[in-house]
Structure formats: structure tokens, C-alpha cells
Amino acid sequence: MATVIDLEHGQKGIIREFTGITLPIKLLELGCLPGNILELIQVAPFKDPIYINVNGSHIAIRRSLARQIELDIIEDSMGV
């Protein structure tokens, strides 16, 4: 199963579920919910934190938390 850390810059995925039991409530409030589209915006120089976009909200999350967010990666059908 793919997680947020498997995404490449600009790549998107649909959130499937969370593997950890302690997901911060703030993430849920910002729209990080199953079924929503998540996009990887940037990874910091030392690979932590990771910047994502969910429902127009740019969020910085730790790499350990990113491993807990399982995704279905959206393949780019444009071929660009």
C-alpha cells in the first residue's frame, strides 16, 4: 500500500485510510479524510517535514505521520 512518503513532487493520491490510531484532530479538521485528494507540494531538505495540499489547505506534517496516511496514487493519464 502506498503512503504519502511514496509520492513524488506534484503527484496526487486519494486518501484510503490511516494506519495509526493517533492521527491529530487538526488534520481531520483541515480535510485530511478518506476519499479526499492529497497532493505532495514539497519535501524539506532533510526529508522532514513534508508539505501537502488537501482541499486547498497547505499542511506541513512529519515524515512519521505521513507514513500513516495510506493512498491510492492517481496516475497521470496526460502522459506529460
N, C-alpha and C. Protein backbone atom coordinates (compact mmCIF):
# COMPACT_ATOMS: atom_id res chain seq x y z
N MET A 1 0.84 -1.18 0.00
CA MET A 1 0.00 0.00 0.00
C MET A 1 0.89 1.24 0.00
N ALA A 2 0.54 2.23 -0.81
CA ALA A 2 1.31 3.47 -0.90
C ALA A 2 0.91 4.41 0.23
N THR A 3 1.87 5.20 0.66
CA THR A 3 1.62 6.23 1.66
C THR A 3 2.09 7.57 1.12
N VAL A 4 1.93 8.62 1.89
CA VAL A 4 2.32 9.96 1.45
C VAL A 4 3.80 10.02 1.10
N ILE A 5 4.65 9.30 1.82
CA ILE A 5 6.08 9.37 1.54
C ILE A 5 6.45 8.71 0.21
N ASP A 6 5.54 7.97 -0.40
CA ASP A 6 5.79 7.35 -1.70
C ASP A 6 5.50 8.30 -2.86
N LEU A 7 4.85 9.43 -2.58
CA LEU A 7 4.51 10.38 -3.64
C LEU A 7 5.74 11.14 -4.10
N GLU A 8 5.73 11.55 -5.36
CA GLU A 8 6.77 12.42 -5.89
C GLU A 8 6.21 13.84 -5.95
N HIS A 9 7.08 14.82 -6.09
CA HIS A 9 6.67 16.23 -6.12
C HIS A 9 5.56 16.45 -7.15
N GLY A 10 4.44 17.02 -6.71
CA GLY A 10 3.32 17.31 -7.59
C GLY A 10 2.36 16.15 -7.81
N GLN A 11 2.71 14.98 -7.34
CA GLN A 11 1.86 13.80 -7.53
C GLN A 11 0.71 13.81 -6.53
N LYS A 12 -0.42 13.22 -6.94
CA LYS A 12 -1.62 13.21 -6.10
C LYS A 12 -2.05 11.79 -5.78
N GLY A 13 -2.82 11.69 -4.70
CA GLY A 13 -3.38 10.41 -4.31
C GLY A 13 -4.69 10.63 -3.58
N ILE A 14 -5.51 9.60 -3.56
CA ILE A 14 -6.77 9.64 -2.83
C ILE A 14 -6.55 8.93 -1.50
N ILE A 15 -6.89 9.61 -0.41
CA ILE A 15 -6.69 9.04 0.92
C ILE A 15 -7.60 7.83 1.10
N ARG A 16 -7.01 6.69 1.48
CA ARG A 16 -7.78 5.47 1.73
C ARG A 16 -8.12 5.32 3.20
N GLU A 17 -7.06 5.29 4.02
CA GLU A 17 -7.25 5.09 5.46
C GLU A 17 -5.99 5.49 6.20
N PHE A 18 -6.06 5.42 7.52
CA PHE A 18 -4.93 5.77 8.37
C PHE A 18 -4.52 4.53 9.15
N THR A 19 -3.22 4.23 9.14
CA THR A 19 -2.74 3.03 9.82
C THR A 19 -2.52 3.26 11.30
N GLY A 20 -2.25 4.49 11.70
CA GLY A 20 -2.03 4.79 13.11
C GLY A 20 -3.34 5.11 13.81
N ILE A 21 -3.35 4.96 15.11
CA ILE A 21 -4.58 5.24 15.85
C ILE A 21 -4.57 6.64 16.47
N THR A 22 -3.46 7.36 16.32
CA THR A 22 -3.34 8.68 16.93
C THR A 22 -3.13 9.76 15.89
N LEU A 23 -4.06 9.91 14.96
CA LEU A 23 -3.98 10.97 13.96
C LEU A 23 -4.47 12.26 14.60
N PRO A 24 -3.70 13.35 14.47
CA PRO A 24 -4.12 14.61 15.09
C PRO A 24 -5.48 15.09 14.56
N ILE A 25 -6.32 15.56 15.47
CA ILE A 25 -7.65 16.06 15.12
C ILE A 25 -7.54 17.22 14.13
N LYS A 26 -6.49 18.02 14.25
CA LYS A 26 -6.32 19.18 13.37
C LYS A 26 -6.25 18.74 11.90
N LEU A 27 -5.60 17.62 11.63
CA LEU A 27 -5.54 17.13 10.25
C LEU A 27 -6.93 16.79 9.73
N LEU A 28 -7.73 16.17 10.55
CA LEU A 28 -9.09 15.83 10.15
C LEU A 28 -9.90 17.10 9.91
N GLU A 29 -9.73 18.09 10.77
CA GLU A 29 -10.44 19.35 10.62
C GLU A 29 -10.05 20.08 9.33
N LEU A 30 -8.82 19.91 8.88
CA LEU A 30 -8.35 20.55 7.65
C LEU A 30 -8.72 19.76 6.40
N GLY A 31 -9.44 18.66 6.55
CA GLY A 31 -9.92 17.91 5.40
C GLY A 31 -9.13 16.67 5.05
N CYS A 32 -8.22 16.27 5.89
CA CYS A 32 -7.44 15.06 5.63
C CYS A 32 -8.28 13.85 6.02
N LEU A 33 -9.24 13.52 5.16
CA LEU A 33 -10.21 12.46 5.42
C LEU A 33 -10.21 11.45 4.28
N PRO A 34 -10.56 10.21 4.54
CA PRO A 34 -10.65 9.22 3.46
C PRO A 34 -11.56 9.70 2.34
N GLY A 35 -11.08 9.50 1.10
CA GLY A 35 -11.83 9.92 -0.08
C GLY A 35 -11.38 11.25 -0.65
N ASN A 36 -10.66 12.05 0.14
CA ASN A 36 -10.18 13.35 -0.35
C ASN A 36 -8.86 13.19 -1.09
N ILE A 37 -8.62 14.12 -2.01
CA ILE A 37 -7.39 14.11 -2.80
C ILE A 37 -6.30 14.88 -2.06
N LEU A 38 -5.12 14.31 -2.02
CA LEU A 38 -3.96 14.89 -1.36
C LEU A 38 -2.87 15.05 -2.40
N GLU A 39 -2.16 16.17 -2.38
CA GLU A 39 -1.07 16.42 -3.33
C GLU A 39 0.21 16.74 -2.56
N LEU A 40 1.32 16.14 -3.00
CA LEU A 40 2.61 16.44 -2.38
C LEU A 40 3.14 17.74 -2.99
N ILE A 41 3.36 18.73 -2.14
CA ILE A 41 3.84 20.04 -2.59
C ILE A 41 5.36 20.11 -2.54
N GLN A 42 5.92 19.72 -1.40
CA GLN A 42 7.37 19.86 -1.21
C GLN A 42 7.84 18.97 -0.08
N VAL A 43 9.09 18.56 -0.16
CA VAL A 43 9.73 17.83 0.93
C VAL A 43 10.92 18.68 1.38
N ALA A 44 11.02 18.92 2.67
CA ALA A 44 12.10 19.73 3.23
C ALA A 44 13.46 19.08 2.93
N PRO A 45 14.53 19.87 2.96
CA PRO A 45 15.86 19.37 2.60
C PRO A 45 16.30 18.09 3.32
N PHE A 46 15.98 17.93 4.58
CA PHE A 46 16.37 16.72 5.30
C PHE A 46 15.22 15.71 5.39
N LYS A 47 14.25 15.85 4.44
CA LYS A 47 13.11 14.94 4.28
C LYS A 47 12.07 15.02 5.40
N ASP A 48 12.15 16.06 6.21
CA ASP A 48 11.17 16.23 7.28
C ASP A 48 11.12 17.71 7.64
N PRO A 49 9.98 18.36 7.54
CA PRO A 49 8.63 17.86 7.29
C PRO A 49 8.32 17.73 5.80
N ILE A 50 7.11 17.24 5.55
CA ILE A 50 6.58 17.07 4.21
C ILE A 50 5.39 18.03 4.08
N TYR A 51 5.35 18.76 2.97
CA TYR A 51 4.27 19.73 2.75
C TYR A 51 3.26 19.16 1.77
N ILE A 52 1.99 19.14 2.19
CA ILE A 52 0.93 18.57 1.36
C ILE A 52 -0.19 19.60 1.17
N ASN A 53 -1.02 19.36 0.18
CA ASN A 53 -2.20 20.18 -0.07
C ASN A 53 -3.41 19.26 -0.02
N VAL A 54 -4.34 19.59 0.87
CA VAL A 54 -5.60 18.84 0.98
C VAL A 54 -6.72 19.87 1.02
N ASN A 55 -7.62 19.81 0.05
CA ASN A 55 -8.76 20.75 -0.01
C ASN A 55 -8.33 22.21 0.04
N GLY A 56 -7.23 22.54 -0.60
CA GLY A 56 -6.76 23.92 -0.62
C GLY A 56 -5.97 24.34 0.60
N SER A 57 -5.82 23.48 1.56
CA SER A 57 -5.03 23.78 2.76
C SER A 57 -3.63 23.20 2.60
N HIS A 58 -2.63 24.06 2.74
CA HIS A 58 -1.24 23.60 2.71
C HIS A 58 -0.86 23.24 4.13
N ILE A 59 -0.42 22.00 4.32
CA ILE A 59 -0.16 21.47 5.66
C ILE A 59 1.25 20.87 5.69
N ALA A 60 1.97 21.14 6.76
CA ALA A 60 3.28 20.52 6.99
C ALA A 60 3.09 19.40 8.01
N ILE A 61 3.52 18.19 7.63
CA ILE A 61 3.41 17.05 8.54
C ILE A 61 4.76 16.36 8.67
N ARG A 62 4.95 15.72 9.77
CA ARG A 62 6.19 14.96 9.98
C ARG A 62 6.17 13.70 9.12
N ARG A 63 7.35 13.24 8.78
CA ARG A 63 7.50 12.04 7.96
C ARG A 63 6.86 10.82 8.64
N SER A 64 6.98 10.74 9.96
CA SER A 64 6.39 9.60 10.69
C SER A 64 4.86 9.58 10.54
N LEU A 65 4.24 10.75 10.52
CA LEU A 65 2.80 10.85 10.34
C LEU A 65 2.42 10.55 8.88
N ALA A 66 3.25 11.00 7.94
CA ALA A 66 2.99 10.76 6.52
C ALA A 66 2.96 9.26 6.21
N ARG A 67 3.73 8.47 6.94
CA ARG A 67 3.74 7.01 6.75
C ARG A 67 2.42 6.37 7.15
N GLN A 68 1.63 7.06 7.96
CA GLN A 68 0.37 6.50 8.45
C GLN A 68 -0.82 6.80 7.54
N ILE A 69 -0.62 7.63 6.51
CA ILE A 69 -1.71 8.01 5.61
C ILE A 69 -1.59 7.18 4.33
N GLU A 70 -2.46 6.19 4.19
CA GLU A 70 -2.43 5.32 3.01
C GLU A 70 -3.23 5.94 1.88
N LEU A 71 -2.69 5.77 0.67
CA LEU A 71 -3.27 6.42 -0.52
C LEU A 71 -3.43 5.45 -1.68
N ASP A 72 -4.35 5.80 -2.57
CA ASP A 72 -4.37 5.25 -3.92
C ASP A 72 -3.77 6.33 -4.80
N ILE A 73 -2.60 6.08 -5.35
CA ILE A 73 -1.92 7.09 -6.16
C ILE A 73 -2.68 7.30 -7.47
N ILE A 74 -2.88 8.57 -7.81
CA ILE A 74 -3.56 8.91 -9.06
C ILE A 74 -2.51 8.99 -10.15
N GLU A 75 -2.65 8.11 -11.13
CA GLU A 75 -1.69 8.08 -12.23
C GLU A 75 -2.02 9.21 -13.21
N ASP A 76 -0.98 9.86 -13.73
CA ASP A 76 -1.16 10.95 -14.68
C ASP A 76 -1.48 10.37 -16.05
N SER A 77 -2.73 10.52 -16.47
CA SER A 77 -3.17 9.96 -17.75
C SER A 77 -2.83 10.85 -18.92
N MET A 78 -2.31 12.06 -18.66
CA MET A 78 -1.98 13.01 -19.73
C MET A 78 -0.67 12.62 -20.43
N GLY A 79 0.19 11.88 -19.73
CA GLY A 79 1.45 11.47 -20.32
C GLY A 79 2.45 12.60 -20.45
N VAL A 80 2.29 13.64 -19.67
CA VAL A 80 3.20 14.80 -19.77
C VAL A 80 4.29 14.67 -18.74
